[in-house]
Amino acid sequence: MGASKSESFSIENKEMATLFKALSHPARVAIVDYLLSVDSCICGDIVNELPLAQPTISQHLKELKNANIIKGTIEGTAICYCINPEIIKKIENYFNSITIQLKNKCC
């Protein structure tokens, strides 16, 4: 999208689009689901859970991290990932706003 056209959209529109793009792959959704099911996680643990190669998992983790959906902390030679609750709250608020607006619509 050209710079002049992207200026037509609000910061929230752009932010939500970035988040949804990061979540638009089934492997990334599976990673989020896995991270929700454990207290903390190392990349190798995810590789054991999903039918994907380690470099592929790393690329998906990078996409989720770039969108701030997950956070990673270095523990020795491993990276421990967790869900970023602030970003999840933004997504929740976005969908709550849609739900409220839909209740006020006549179809």
PDB file of N, CA and C in Angstrom:
ATOM      1  N   MET A   1       0.861  -1.162   0.000  1.00  0.00           N
ATOM      2  CA  MET A   1       0.000   0.000   0.000  1.00  0.00           C
ATOM      3  C   MET A   1       0.902   1.218   0.000  1.00  0.00           C
ATOM      4  N   GLY A   2       0.634   2.165  -0.908  1.00  0.00           N
ATOM      5  CA  GLY A   2       1.420   3.377  -0.998  1.00  0.00           C
ATOM      6  C   GLY A   2       1.279   4.232   0.248  1.00  0.00           C
ATOM      7  N   ALA A   3       2.293   5.040   0.497  1.00  0.00           N
ATOM      8  CA  ALA A   3       2.307   5.883   1.697  1.00  0.00           C
ATOM      9  C   ALA A   3       1.111   6.818   1.726  1.00  0.00           C
ATOM     10  N   SER A   4       0.742   7.351   0.572  1.00  0.00           N
ATOM     11  CA  SER A   4      -0.372   8.304   0.561  1.00  0.00           C
ATOM     12  C   SER A   4      -1.690   7.622   0.927  1.00  0.00           C
ATOM     13  N   LYS A   5      -1.876   6.388   0.542  1.00  0.00           N
ATOM     14  CA  LYS A   5      -3.117   5.682   0.866  1.00  0.00           C
ATOM     15  C   LYS A   5      -3.134   5.217   2.310  1.00  0.00           C
ATOM     16  N   SER A   6      -1.994   4.791   2.834  1.00  0.00           N
ATOM     17  CA  SER A   6      -1.975   4.313   4.222  1.00  0.00           C
ATOM     18  C   SER A   6      -2.239   5.454   5.193  1.00  0.00           C
ATOM     19  N   GLU A   7      -1.968   6.676   4.802  1.00  0.00           N
ATOM     20  CA  GLU A   7      -2.259   7.825   5.661  1.00  0.00           C
ATOM     21  C   GLU A   7      -3.761   8.016   5.858  1.00  0.00           C
ATOM     22  N   SER A   8      -4.561   7.419   5.000  1.00  0.00           N
ATOM     23  CA  SER A   8      -6.018   7.543   5.082  1.00  0.00           C
ATOM     24  C   SER A   8      -6.611   6.717   6.217  1.00  0.00           C
ATOM     25  N   PHE A   9      -5.829   5.830   6.800  1.00  0.00           N
ATOM     26  CA  PHE A   9      -6.328   4.939   7.830  1.00  0.00           C
ATOM     27  C   PHE A   9      -5.819   5.371   9.202  1.00  0.00           C
ATOM     28  N   SER A  10      -6.640   5.127  10.220  1.00  0.00           N
ATOM     29  CA  SER A  10      -6.260   5.518  11.578  1.00  0.00           C
ATOM     30  C   SER A  10      -5.128   4.634  12.099  1.00  0.00           C
ATOM     31  N   ILE A  11      -4.493   5.108  13.148  1.00  0.00           N
ATOM     32  CA  ILE A  11      -3.444   4.325  13.796  1.00  0.00           C
ATOM     33  C   ILE A  11      -4.017   3.007  14.292  1.00  0.00           C
ATOM     34  N   GLU A  12      -5.242   3.043  14.848  1.00  0.00           N
ATOM     35  CA  GLU A  12      -5.874   1.809  15.333  1.00  0.00           C
ATOM     36  C   GLU A  12      -6.137   0.841  14.182  1.00  0.00           C
ATOM     37  N   ASN A  13      -6.595   1.354  13.023  1.00  0.00           N
ATOM     38  CA  ASN A  13      -6.818   0.486  11.866  1.00  0.00           C
ATOM     39  C   ASN A  13      -5.526  -0.225  11.475  1.00  0.00           C
ATOM     40  N   LYS A  14      -4.439   0.519  11.420  1.00  0.00           N
ATOM     41  CA  LYS A  14      -3.154  -0.056  11.032  1.00  0.00           C
ATOM     42  C   LYS A  14      -2.658  -1.064  12.071  1.00  0.00           C
ATOM     43  N   GLU A  15      -2.844  -0.725  13.343  1.00  0.00           N
ATOM     44  CA  GLU A  15      -2.400  -1.618  14.407  1.00  0.00           C
ATOM     45  C   GLU A  15      -3.184  -2.931  14.384  1.00  0.00           C
ATOM     46  N   MET A  16      -4.503  -2.851  14.242  1.00  0.00           N
ATOM     47  CA  MET A  16      -5.313  -4.071  14.201  1.00  0.00           C
ATOM     48  C   MET A  16      -4.958  -4.907  12.980  1.00  0.00           C
ATOM     49  N   ALA A  17      -4.730  -4.258  11.844  1.00  0.00           N
ATOM     50  CA  ALA A  17      -4.361  -4.995  10.630  1.00  0.00           C
ATOM     51  C   ALA A  17      -3.043  -5.738  10.829  1.00  0.00           C
ATOM     52  N   THR A  18      -2.089  -5.111  11.507  1.00  0.00           N
ATOM     53  CA  THR A  18      -0.806  -5.759  11.791  1.00  0.00           C
ATOM     54  C   THR A  18      -1.003  -6.974  12.690  1.00  0.00           C
ATOM     55  N   LEU A  19      -1.839  -6.815  13.719  1.00  0.00           N
ATOM     56  CA  LEU A  19      -2.096  -7.928  14.638  1.00  0.00           C
ATOM     57  C   LEU A  19      -2.794  -9.075  13.928  1.00  0.00           C
ATOM     58  N   PHE A  20      -3.813  -8.750  13.128  1.00  0.00           N
ATOM     59  CA  PHE A  20      -4.552  -9.806  12.436  1.00  0.00           C
ATOM     60  C   PHE A  20      -3.681 -10.495  11.389  1.00  0.00           C
ATOM     61  N   LYS A  21      -2.808  -9.729  10.735  1.00  0.00           N
ATOM     62  CA  LYS A  21      -1.894 -10.334   9.764  1.00  0.00           C
ATOM     63  C   LYS A  21      -0.970 -11.327  10.471  1.00  0.00           C
ATOM     64  N   ALA A  22      -0.483 -10.944  11.642  1.00  0.00           N
ATOM     65  CA  ALA A  22       0.405 -11.838  12.393  1.00  0.00           C
ATOM     66  C   ALA A  22      -0.320 -13.099  12.844  1.00  0.00           C
ATOM     67  N   LEU A  23      -1.618 -13.001  13.081  1.00  0.00           N
ATOM     68  CA  LEU A  23      -2.401 -14.155  13.526  1.00  0.00           C
ATOM     69  C   LEU A  23      -3.059 -14.905  12.368  1.00  0.00           C
ATOM     70  N   SER A  24      -2.750 -14.523  11.143  1.00  0.00           N
ATOM     71  CA  SER A  24      -3.475 -15.077   9.998  1.00  0.00           C
ATOM     72  C   SER A  24      -2.907 -16.398   9.474  1.00  0.00           C
ATOM     73  N   HIS A  25      -2.042 -17.017  10.209  1.00  0.00           N
ATOM     74  CA  HIS A  25      -1.500 -18.312   9.795  1.00  0.00           C
ATOM     75  C   HIS A  25      -1.836 -19.351  10.866  1.00  0.00           C
ATOM     76  N   PRO A  26      -2.313 -20.525  10.472  1.00  0.00           N
ATOM     77  CA  PRO A  26      -2.698 -21.538  11.466  1.00  0.00           C
ATOM     78  C   PRO A  26      -1.551 -21.942  12.395  1.00  0.00           C
ATOM     79  N   ALA A  27      -0.323 -21.928  11.921  1.00  0.00           N
ATOM     80  CA  ALA A  27       0.811 -22.279  12.790  1.00  0.00           C
ATOM     81  C   ALA A  27       0.968 -21.242  13.894  1.00  0.00           C
ATOM     82  N   ARG A  28       0.748 -19.974  13.570  1.00  0.00           N
ATOM     83  CA  ARG A  28       0.876 -18.926  14.583  1.00  0.00           C
ATOM     84  C   ARG A  28      -0.246 -19.011  15.605  1.00  0.00           C
ATOM     85  N   VAL A  29      -1.426 -19.343  15.151  1.00  0.00           N
ATOM     86  CA  VAL A  29      -2.542 -19.542  16.085  1.00  0.00           C
ATOM     87  C   VAL A  29      -2.233 -20.729  16.995  1.00  0.00           C
ATOM     88  N   ALA A  30      -1.668 -21.784  16.424  1.00  0.00           N
ATOM     89  CA  ALA A  30      -1.296 -22.964  17.224  1.00  0.00           C
ATOM     90  C   ALA A  30      -0.201 -22.608  18.238  1.00  0.00           C
ATOM     91  N   ILE A  31       0.725 -21.751  17.858  1.00  0.00           N
ATOM     92  CA  ILE A  31       1.771 -21.314  18.788  1.00  0.00           C
ATOM     93  C   ILE A  31       1.151 -20.543  19.939  1.00  0.00           C
ATOM     94  N   VAL A  32       0.237 -19.628  19.635  1.00  0.00           N
ATOM     95  CA  VAL A  32      -0.450 -18.867  20.686  1.00  0.00           C
ATOM     96  C   VAL A  32      -1.202 -19.825  21.602  1.00  0.00           C
ATOM     97  N   ASP A  33      -1.927 -20.773  21.026  1.00  0.00           N
ATOM     98  CA  ASP A  33      -2.658 -21.754  21.831  1.00  0.00           C
ATOM     99  C   ASP A  33      -1.709 -22.531  22.749  1.00  0.00           C
ATOM    100  N   TYR A  34      -0.565 -22.932  22.207  1.00  0.00           N
ATOM    101  CA  TYR A  34       0.400 -23.683  23.008  1.00  0.00           C
ATOM    102  C   TYR A  34       0.943 -22.820  24.149  1.00  0.00           C
ATOM    103  N   LEU A  35       1.294 -21.570  23.843  1.00  0.00           N
ATOM    104  CA  LEU A  35       1.830 -20.683  24.878  1.00  0.00           C
ATOM    105  C   LEU A  35       0.803 -20.431  25.974  1.00  0.00           C
ATOM    106  N   LEU A  36      -0.464 -20.420  25.620  1.00  0.00           N
ATOM    107  CA  LEU A  36      -1.516 -20.259  26.626  1.00  0.00           C
ATOM    108  C   LEU A  36      -1.649 -21.490  27.518  1.00  0.00           C
ATOM    109  N   SER A  37      -1.228 -22.630  27.011  1.00  0.00           N
ATOM    110  CA  SER A  37      -1.379 -23.874  27.769  1.00  0.00           C
ATOM    111  C   SER A  37      -0.206 -24.170  28.706  1.00  0.00           C
ATOM    112  N   VAL A  38       0.878 -23.392  28.599  1.00  0.00           N
ATOM    113  CA  VAL A  38       2.056 -23.610  29.447  1.00  0.00           C
ATOM    114  C   VAL A  38       2.416 -22.320  30.168  1.00  0.00           C
ATOM    115  N   ASP A  39       3.182 -22.450  31.243  1.00  0.00           N
ATOM    116  CA  ASP A  39       3.598 -21.261  31.997  1.00  0.00           C
ATOM    117  C   ASP A  39       4.658 -20.466  31.251  1.00  0.00           C
ATOM    118  N   SER A  40       5.611 -21.139  30.659  1.00  0.00           N
ATOM    119  CA  SER A  40       6.636 -20.507  29.855  1.00  0.00           C
ATOM    120  C   SER A  40       7.077 -21.520  28.814  1.00  0.00           C
ATOM    121  N   CYS A  41       7.841 -21.060  27.862  1.00  0.00           N
ATOM    122  CA  CYS A  41       8.154 -21.958  26.763  1.00  0.00           C
ATOM    123  C   CYS A  41       9.497 -21.603  26.154  1.00  0.00           C
ATOM    124  N   ILE A  42      10.201 -22.616  25.729  1.00  0.00           N
ATOM    125  CA  ILE A  42      11.430 -22.448  24.974  1.00  0.00           C
ATOM    126  C   ILE A  42      11.128 -22.916  23.560  1.00  0.00           C
ATOM    127  N   CYS A  43      11.754 -22.283  22.586  1.00  0.00           N
ATOM    128  CA  CYS A  43      11.484 -22.598  21.179  1.00  0.00           C
ATOM    129  C   CYS A  43      11.481 -24.095  20.915  1.00  0.00           C
ATOM    130  N   GLY A  44      12.416 -24.843  21.497  1.00  0.00           N
ATOM    131  CA  GLY A  44      12.490 -26.286  21.300  1.00  0.00           C
ATOM    132  C   GLY A  44      11.233 -27.002  21.735  1.00  0.00           C
ATOM    133  N   ASP A  45      10.581 -26.502  22.783  1.00  0.00           N
ATOM    134  CA  ASP A  45       9.326 -27.106  23.236  1.00  0.00           C
ATOM    135  C   ASP A  45       8.250 -26.997  22.168  1.00  0.00           C
ATOM    136  N   ILE A  46       8.205 -25.856  21.510  1.00  0.00           N
ATOM    137  CA  ILE A  46       7.203 -25.643  20.464  1.00  0.00           C
ATOM    138  C   ILE A  46       7.474 -26.577  19.293  1.00  0.00           C
ATOM    139  N   VAL A  47       8.730 -26.762  18.954  1.00  0.00           N
ATOM    140  CA  VAL A  47       9.096 -27.666  17.856  1.00  0.00           C
ATOM    141  C   VAL A  47       8.610 -29.079  18.148  1.00  0.00           C
ATOM    142  N   ASN A  48       8.633 -29.474  19.417  1.00  0.00           N
ATOM    143  CA  ASN A  48       8.161 -30.808  19.790  1.00  0.00           C
ATOM    144  C   ASN A  48       6.645 -30.923  19.706  1.00  0.00           C
ATOM    145  N   GLU A  49       5.932 -29.809  19.759  1.00  0.00           N
ATOM    146  CA  GLU A  49       4.467 -29.812  19.766  1.00  0.00           C
ATOM    147  C   GLU A  49       3.847 -29.657  18.382  1.00  0.00           C
ATOM    148  N   LEU A  50       4.528 -28.979  17.477  1.00  0.00           N
ATOM    149  CA  LEU A  50       3.966 -28.704  16.149  1.00  0.00           C
ATOM    150  C   LEU A  50       4.719 -29.476  15.073  1.00  0.00           C
ATOM    151  N   PRO A  51       4.028 -29.852  14.015  1.00  0.00           N
ATOM    152  CA  PRO A  51       4.671 -30.639  12.956  1.00  0.00           C
ATOM    153  C   PRO A  51       5.441 -29.764  11.969  1.00  0.00           C
ATOM    154  N   LEU A  52       6.290 -28.882  12.510  1.00  0.00           N
ATOM    155  CA  LEU A  52       7.062 -27.971  11.665  1.00  0.00           C
ATOM    156  C   LEU A  52       8.525 -28.004  12.076  1.00  0.00           C
ATOM    157  N   ALA A  53       9.392 -27.676  11.142  1.00  0.00           N
ATOM    158  CA  ALA A  53      10.824 -27.639  11.422  1.00  0.00           C
ATOM    159  C   ALA A  53      11.164 -26.440  12.303  1.00  0.00           C
ATOM    160  N   GLN A  54      12.280 -26.544  13.017  1.00  0.00           N
ATOM    161  CA  GLN A  54      12.694 -25.479  13.928  1.00  0.00           C
ATOM    162  C   GLN A  54      12.845 -24.134  13.217  1.00  0.00           C
ATOM    163  N   PRO A  55      13.454 -24.051  12.016  1.00  0.00           N
ATOM    164  CA  PRO A  55      13.557 -22.743  11.361  1.00  0.00           C
ATOM    165  C   PRO A  55      12.186 -22.143  11.018  1.00  0.00           C
ATOM    166  N   THR A  56      11.232 -22.998  10.685  1.00  0.00           N
ATOM    167  CA  THR A  56       9.878 -22.522  10.374  1.00  0.00           C
ATOM    168  C   THR A  56       9.210 -21.979  11.632  1.00  0.00           C
ATOM    169  N   ILE A  57       9.350 -22.696  12.737  1.00  0.00           N
ATOM    170  CA  ILE A  57       8.812 -22.233  14.024  1.00  0.00           C
ATOM    171  C   ILE A  57       9.443 -20.892  14.388  1.00  0.00           C
ATOM    172  N   SER A  58      10.744 -20.782  14.211  1.00  0.00           N
ATOM    173  CA  SER A  58      11.443 -19.534  14.540  1.00  0.00           C
ATOM    174  C   SER A  58      10.911 -18.368  13.710  1.00  0.00           C
ATOM    175  N   GLN A  59      10.620 -18.604  12.456  1.00  0.00           N
ATOM    176  CA  GLN A  59      10.081 -17.543  11.600  1.00  0.00           C
ATOM    177  C   GLN A  59       8.694 -17.115  12.077  1.00  0.00           C
ATOM    178  N   HIS A  60       7.860 -18.073  12.448  1.00  0.00           N
ATOM    179  CA  HIS A  60       6.529 -17.736  12.959  1.00  0.00           C
ATOM    180  C   HIS A  60       6.629 -16.996  14.297  1.00  0.00           C
ATOM    181  N   LEU A  61       7.550 -17.414  15.156  1.00  0.00           N
ATOM    182  CA  LEU A  61       7.756 -16.711  16.423  1.00  0.00           C
ATOM    183  C   LEU A  61       8.205 -15.269  16.165  1.00  0.00           C
ATOM    184  N   LYS A  62       9.045 -15.095  15.167  1.00  0.00           N
ATOM    185  CA  LYS A  62       9.517 -13.749  14.810  1.00  0.00           C
ATOM    186  C   LYS A  62       8.353 -12.859  14.392  1.00  0.00           C
ATOM    187  N   GLU A  63       7.443 -13.393  13.595  1.00  0.00           N
ATOM    188  CA  GLU A  63       6.273 -12.623  13.157  1.00  0.00           C
ATOM    189  C   GLU A  63       5.388 -12.239  14.347  1.00  0.00           C
ATOM    190  N   LEU A  64       5.169 -13.187  15.238  1.00  0.00           N
ATOM    191  CA  LEU A  64       4.354 -12.904  16.428  1.00  0.00           C
ATOM    192  C   LEU A  64       5.049 -11.888  17.338  1.00  0.00           C
ATOM    193  N   LYS A  65       6.354 -11.994  17.445  1.00  0.00           N
ATOM    194  CA  LYS A  65       7.104 -11.065  18.290  1.00  0.00           C
ATOM    195  C   LYS A  65       7.132  -9.671  17.672  1.00  0.00           C
ATOM    196  N   ASN A  66       7.298  -9.582  16.360  1.00  0.00           N
ATOM    197  CA  ASN A  66       7.302  -8.282  15.682  1.00  0.00           C
ATOM    198  C   ASN A  66       5.975  -7.541  15.862  1.00  0.00           C
ATOM    199  N   ALA A  67       4.885  -8.294  15.987  1.00  0.00           N
ATOM    200  CA  ALA A  67       3.564  -7.690  16.206  1.00  0.00           C
ATOM    201  C   ALA A  67       3.288  -7.484  17.696  1.00  0.00           C
ATOM    202  N   ASN A  68       4.249  -7.818  18.552  1.00  0.00           N
ATOM    203  CA  ASN A  68       4.118  -7.697  20.011  1.00  0.00           C
ATOM    204  C   ASN A  68       3.070  -8.618  20.615  1.00  0.00           C
ATOM    205  N   ILE A  69       2.657  -9.633  19.895  1.00  0.00           N
ATOM    206  CA  ILE A  69       1.689 -10.589  20.420  1.00  0.00           C
ATOM    207  C   ILE A  69       2.345 -11.480  21.468  1.00  0.00           C
ATOM    208  N   ILE A  70       3.629 -11.766  21.253  1.00  0.00           N
ATOM    209  CA  ILE A  70       4.385 -12.529  22.238  1.00  0.00           C
ATOM    210  C   ILE A  70       5.617 -11.732  22.661  1.00  0.00           C
ATOM    211  N   LYS A  71       6.133 -12.094  23.829  1.00  0.00           N
ATOM    212  CA  LYS A  71       7.380 -11.508  24.328  1.00  0.00           C
ATOM    213  C   LYS A  71       8.358 -12.648  24.533  1.00  0.00           C
ATOM    214  N   GLY A  72       9.634 -12.349  24.398  1.00  0.00           N
ATOM    215  CA  GLY A  72      10.651 -13.358  24.625  1.00  0.00           C
ATOM    216  C   GLY A  72      11.737 -12.838  25.542  1.00  0.00           C
ATOM    217  N   THR A  73      12.141 -13.673  26.472  1.00  0.00           N
ATOM    218  CA  THR A  73      13.254 -13.327  27.355  1.00  0.00           C
ATOM    219  C   THR A  73      14.333 -14.389  27.204  1.00  0.00           C
ATOM    220  N   ILE A  74      15.567 -13.946  27.246  1.00  0.00           N
ATOM    221  CA  ILE A  74      16.690 -14.869  27.095  1.00  0.00           C
ATOM    222  C   ILE A  74      17.017 -15.471  28.450  1.00  0.00           C
ATOM    223  N   GLU A  75      17.065 -16.793  28.472  1.00  0.00           N
ATOM    224  CA  GLU A  75      17.428 -17.545  29.681  1.00  0.00           C
ATOM    225  C   GLU A  75      18.564 -18.491  29.305  1.00  0.00           C
ATOM    226  N   GLY A  76      19.782 -18.054  29.568  1.00  0.00           N
ATOM    227  CA  GLY A  76      20.947 -18.836  29.154  1.00  0.00           C
ATOM    228  C   GLY A  76      21.070 -18.814  27.652  1.00  0.00           C
ATOM    229  N   THR A  77      21.020 -20.006  27.047  1.00  0.00           N
ATOM    230  CA  THR A  77      21.117 -20.089  25.588  1.00  0.00           C
ATOM    231  C   THR A  77      19.748 -20.243  24.931  1.00  0.00           C
ATOM    232  N   ALA A  78      18.700 -20.180  25.712  1.00  0.00           N
ATOM    233  CA  ALA A  78      17.347 -20.377  25.185  1.00  0.00           C
ATOM    234  C   ALA A  78      16.529 -19.092  25.324  1.00  0.00           C
ATOM    235  N   ILE A  79      15.471 -19.013  24.543  1.00  0.00           N
ATOM    236  CA  ILE A  79      14.533 -17.899  24.643  1.00  0.00           C
ATOM    237  C   ILE A  79      13.217 -18.439  25.168  1.00  0.00           C
ATOM    238  N   CYS A  80      12.720 -17.798  26.203  1.00  0.00           N
ATOM    239  CA  CYS A  80      11.464 -18.193  26.830  1.00  0.00           C
ATOM    240  C   CYS A  80      10.378 -17.230  26.352  1.00  0.00           C
ATOM    241  N   TYR A  81       9.329 -17.750  25.737  1.00  0.00           N
ATOM    242  CA  TYR A  81       8.273 -16.923  25.159  1.00  0.00           C
ATOM    243  C   TYR A  81       7.020 -16.939  26.026  1.00  0.00           C
ATOM    244  N   CYS A  82       6.287 -15.830  25.992  1.00  0.00           N
ATOM    245  CA  CYS A  82       4.986 -15.764  26.651  1.00  0.00           C
ATOM    246  C   CYS A  82       4.087 -14.788  25.883  1.00  0.00           C
ATOM    247  N   ILE A  83       2.793 -14.881  26.132  1.00  0.00           N
ATOM    248  CA  ILE A  83       1.809 -14.005  25.496  1.00  0.00           C
ATOM    249  C   ILE A  83       1.886 -12.615  26.128  1.00  0.00           C
ATOM    250  N   ASN A  84       1.756 -11.585  25.299  1.00  0.00           N
ATOM    251  CA  ASN A  84       1.736 -10.203  25.782  1.00  0.00           C
ATOM    252  C   ASN A  84       0.285  -9.843  26.108  1.00  0.00           C
ATOM    253  N   PRO A  85      -0.086  -9.781  27.388  1.00  0.00           N
ATOM    254  CA  PRO A  85      -1.483  -9.539  27.750  1.00  0.00           C
ATOM    255  C   PRO A  85      -2.003  -8.167  27.314  1.00  0.00           C
ATOM    256  N   GLU A  86      -1.129  -7.174  27.190  1.00  0.00           N
ATOM    257  CA  GLU A  86      -1.563  -5.843  26.759  1.00  0.00           C
ATOM    258  C   GLU A  86      -2.097  -5.874  25.331  1.00  0.00           C
ATOM    259  N   ILE A  87      -1.430  -6.621  24.476  1.00  0.00           N
ATOM    260  CA  ILE A  87      -1.871  -6.711  23.078  1.00  0.00           C
ATOM    261  C   ILE A  87      -3.162  -7.517  22.982  1.00  0.00           C
ATOM    262  N   ILE A  88      -3.257  -8.579  23.762  1.00  0.00           N
ATOM    263  CA  ILE A  88      -4.487  -9.382  23.749  1.00  0.00           C
ATOM    264  C   ILE A  88      -5.661  -8.528  24.226  1.00  0.00           C
ATOM    265  N   LYS A  89      -5.424  -7.663  25.185  1.00  0.00           N
ATOM    266  CA  LYS A  89      -6.468  -6.758  25.680  1.00  0.00           C
ATOM    267  C   LYS A  89      -6.906  -5.799  24.575  1.00  0.00           C
ATOM    268  N   LYS A  90      -5.973  -5.318  23.759  1.00  0.00           N
ATOM    269  CA  LYS A  90      -6.332  -4.436  22.641  1.00  0.00           C
ATOM    270  C   LYS A  90      -7.228  -5.167  21.647  1.00  0.00           C
ATOM    271  N   ILE A  91      -6.891  -6.423  21.361  1.00  0.00           N
ATOM    272  CA  ILE A  91      -7.712  -7.219  20.437  1.00  0.00           C
ATOM    273  C   ILE A  91      -9.095  -7.436  21.041  1.00  0.00           C
ATOM    274  N   GLU A  92      -9.133  -7.760  22.328  1.00  0.00           N
ATOM    275  CA  GLU A  92     -10.409  -7.960  23.023  1.00  0.00           C
ATOM    276  C   GLU A  92     -11.260  -6.689  22.964  1.00  0.00           C
ATOM    277  N   ASN A  93     -10.658  -5.547  23.240  1.00  0.00           N
ATOM    278  CA  ASN A  93     -11.391  -4.273  23.200  1.00  0.00           C
ATOM    279  C   ASN A  93     -11.923  -3.979  21.807  1.00  0.00           C
ATOM    280  N   TYR A  94     -11.144  -4.308  20.801  1.00  0.00           N
ATOM    281  CA  TYR A  94     -11.577  -4.094  19.420  1.00  0.00           C
ATOM    282  C   TYR A  94     -12.840  -4.902  19.118  1.00  0.00           C
ATOM    283  N   PHE A  95     -12.816  -6.188  19.474  1.00  0.00           N
ATOM    284  CA  PHE A  95     -13.988  -7.027  19.208  1.00  0.00           C
ATOM    285  C   PHE A  95     -15.165  -6.681  20.118  1.00  0.00           C
ATOM    286  N   ASN A  96     -14.886  -6.257  21.333  1.00  0.00           N
ATOM    287  CA  ASN A  96     -15.977  -5.793  22.200  1.00  0.00           C
ATOM    288  C   ASN A  96     -16.664  -4.579  21.599  1.00  0.00           C
ATOM    289  N   SER A  97     -15.898  -3.678  21.032  1.00  0.00           N
ATOM    290  CA  SER A  97     -16.456  -2.491  20.375  1.00  0.00           C
ATOM    291  C   SER A  97     -17.351  -2.889  19.200  1.00  0.00           C
ATOM    292  N   ILE A  98     -16.908  -3.870  18.433  1.00  0.00           N
ATOM    293  CA  ILE A  98     -17.727  -4.360  17.315  1.00  0.00           C
ATOM    294  C   ILE A  98     -19.029  -4.949  17.835  1.00  0.00           C
ATOM    295  N   THR A  99     -18.944  -5.747  18.896  1.00  0.00           N
ATOM    296  CA  THR A  99     -20.135  -6.377  19.474  1.00  0.00           C
ATOM    297  C   THR A  99     -21.127  -5.327  19.943  1.00  0.00           C
ATOM    298  N   ILE A 100     -20.648  -4.305  20.616  1.00  0.00           N
ATOM    299  CA  ILE A 100     -21.526  -3.231  21.103  1.00  0.00           C
ATOM    300  C   ILE A 100     -22.179  -2.510  19.931  1.00  0.00           C
ATOM    301  N   GLN A 101     -21.405  -2.219  18.907  1.00  0.00           N
ATOM    302  CA  GLN A 101     -21.956  -1.533  17.739  1.00  0.00           C
ATOM    303  C   GLN A 101     -22.975  -2.385  17.008  1.00  0.00           C
ATOM    304  N   LEU A 102     -22.765  -3.689  16.972  1.00  0.00           N
ATOM    305  CA  LEU A 102     -23.704  -4.584  16.302  1.00  0.00           C
ATOM    306  C   LEU A 102     -25.048  -4.647  17.034  1.00  0.00           C
ATOM    307  N   LYS A 103     -25.013  -4.536  18.361  1.00  0.00           N
ATOM    308  CA  LYS A 103     -26.248  -4.565  19.126  1.00  0.00           C
ATOM    309  C   LYS A 103     -27.128  -3.363  18.825  1.00  0.00           C
ATOM    310  N   ASN A 104     -26.533  -2.287  18.387  1.00  0.00           N
ATOM    311  CA  ASN A 104     -27.259  -1.065  18.079  1.00  0.00           C
ATOM    312  C   ASN A 104     -27.657  -0.958  16.622  1.00  0.00           C
ATOM    313  N   LYS A 105     -27.385  -1.993  15.842  1.00  0.00           N
ATOM    314  CA  LYS A 105     -27.714  -1.978  14.415  1.00  0.00           C
ATOM    315  C   LYS A 105     -28.983  -2.770  14.147  1.00  0.00           C
ATOM    316  N   CYS A 106     -29.652  -2.388  13.131  1.00  0.00           N
ATOM    317  CA  CYS A 106     -30.873  -3.077  12.725  1.00  0.00           C
ATOM    318  C   CYS A 106     -30.596  -3.839  11.421  1.00  0.00           C
ATOM    319  N   CYS A 107     -30.777  -5.125  11.430  1.00  0.00           N
ATOM    320  CA  CYS A 107     -30.583  -5.917  10.209  1.00  0.00           C
ATOM    321  C   CYS A 107     -31.783  -6.820   9.978  1.00  0.00           C
TER     322      CYS A 107
END
